[in-house]
Amino acid sequence: MNTLFALGGLGGTELIIILVAVLILFGSKKIPEFARGLGQGIKEFKKASREVTDEIQNTTTDTPAAAKPAAPAPSRADLPVSQSSNPPKA
């Protein structure tokens, strides 16, 4: 069965009438712009879908790295001392 004519029981004549009505309503300049925007939207959707799929696959295949020991916090002896010529007044 031809899928073009299986659109809700529409025949060839009905499809031609609908296409002519769309052409009259929107004009010949708007239809290519609409099709271009639709194509870009589909392309962006596929790209985002691919990125999400890749991220999921990378997350599930990556093994967690061995936990690194935390670096000790610097003590007061390790902190730099300000050598100001004007000592604070009490």
Protein backbone atom coordinates (compact mmCIF):
# COMPACT_ATOMS: atom_id res chain seq x y z
CA MET A 1 0.00 0.00 0.00
CA ASN A 2 1.35 3.41 -0.93
CA THR A 3 2.00 5.40 2.27
CA LEU A 4 1.48 8.76 0.55
CA PHE A 5 -2.18 8.04 -0.02
CA ALA A 6 -2.69 6.38 3.36
CA LEU A 7 -2.87 9.73 5.14
CA GLY A 8 -6.28 9.48 6.76
CA GLY A 9 -8.01 8.24 3.62
CA LEU A 10 -6.99 11.28 1.53
CA GLY A 11 -6.73 10.73 -2.18
CA GLY A 12 -4.52 12.45 -4.73
CA THR A 13 -7.06 15.14 -5.56
CA GLU A 14 -7.57 16.09 -1.91
CA LEU A 15 -3.82 16.34 -1.34
CA ILE A 16 -3.41 18.61 -4.37
CA ILE A 17 -6.21 20.89 -3.14
CA ILE A 18 -4.62 21.08 0.31
CA LEU A 19 -1.19 21.89 -1.17
CA VAL A 20 -2.66 24.64 -3.35
CA ALA A 21 -4.50 26.12 -0.36
CA VAL A 22 -1.28 26.12 1.71
CA LEU A 23 0.59 27.77 -1.17
CA ILE A 24 -2.06 30.48 -1.47
CA LEU A 25 -2.23 31.11 2.29
CA PHE A 26 1.47 31.21 3.06
CA GLY A 27 2.97 32.30 -0.24
CA SER A 28 5.88 30.87 -2.14
CA LYS A 29 8.52 32.64 -0.01
CA LYS A 30 7.39 31.42 3.40
CA ILE A 31 7.21 27.72 2.56
CA PRO A 32 10.98 27.27 1.88
CA GLU A 33 11.77 29.28 5.04
CA PHE A 34 9.44 27.05 7.04
CA ALA A 35 10.98 23.90 5.56
CA ARG A 36 14.52 25.19 6.26
CA GLY A 37 13.63 25.97 9.88
CA LEU A 38 11.99 22.58 10.27
CA GLY A 39 15.10 20.87 8.90
CA GLN A 40 17.38 22.79 11.28
CA GLY A 41 15.13 21.93 14.20
CA ILE A 42 15.23 18.23 13.33
CA LYS A 43 19.02 18.42 12.96
CA GLU A 44 19.40 20.07 16.39
CA PHE A 45 17.07 17.50 17.97
CA LYS A 46 19.08 14.61 16.54
CA LYS A 47 22.34 16.22 17.71
CA ALA A 48 21.01 16.68 21.26
CA SER A 49 19.64 13.16 21.28
CA ARG A 50 22.99 11.77 20.13
CA GLU A 51 24.85 13.77 22.82
CA VAL A 52 22.55 12.49 25.57
CA THR A 53 22.93 8.91 24.33
CA ASP A 54 26.73 9.25 24.21
CA GLU A 55 26.78 10.75 27.71
CA ILE A 56 24.70 7.88 29.08
CA GLN A 57 26.94 5.31 27.40
CA ASN A 58 30.11 7.02 28.65
CA THR A 59 28.75 7.20 32.19
CA THR A 60 27.82 3.52 32.29
CA THR A 61 31.06 2.27 30.70
CA ASP A 62 33.46 4.41 32.75
CA THR A 63 34.66 2.83 35.96
CA PRO A 64 35.07 5.14 38.91
CA ALA A 65 38.67 6.15 39.50
CA ALA A 66 40.38 5.09 42.70
CA ALA A 67 39.70 7.59 45.44
CA LYS A 68 42.66 9.90 45.88
CA PRO A 69 43.59 10.81 49.43
CA ALA A 70 42.62 14.35 50.27
CA ALA A 71 45.49 16.82 50.58
CA PRO A 72 45.96 17.98 54.16
CA ALA A 73 44.75 21.47 54.94
CA PRO A 74 47.57 24.01 55.30
CA SER A 75 48.53 24.74 58.88
CA ARG A 76 49.03 28.24 60.25
CA ALA A 77 52.78 27.77 59.93
CA ASP A 78 52.41 27.28 56.15
CA LEU A 79 50.41 30.47 55.60
CA PRO A 80 52.28 33.56 54.36
CA VAL A 81 52.93 36.28 56.91
CA SER A 82 52.28 39.89 55.96
CA GLN A 83 55.34 42.05 56.60
CA SER A 84 53.70 45.44 56.86
CA SER A 85 55.67 48.53 57.89
CA ASN A 86 52.63 49.81 59.78
CA PRO A 87 51.72 47.43 62.62
CA PRO A 88 48.04 47.37 63.60
CA LYS A 89 47.15 49.80 66.37
CA ALA A 90 45.39 48.52 69.46
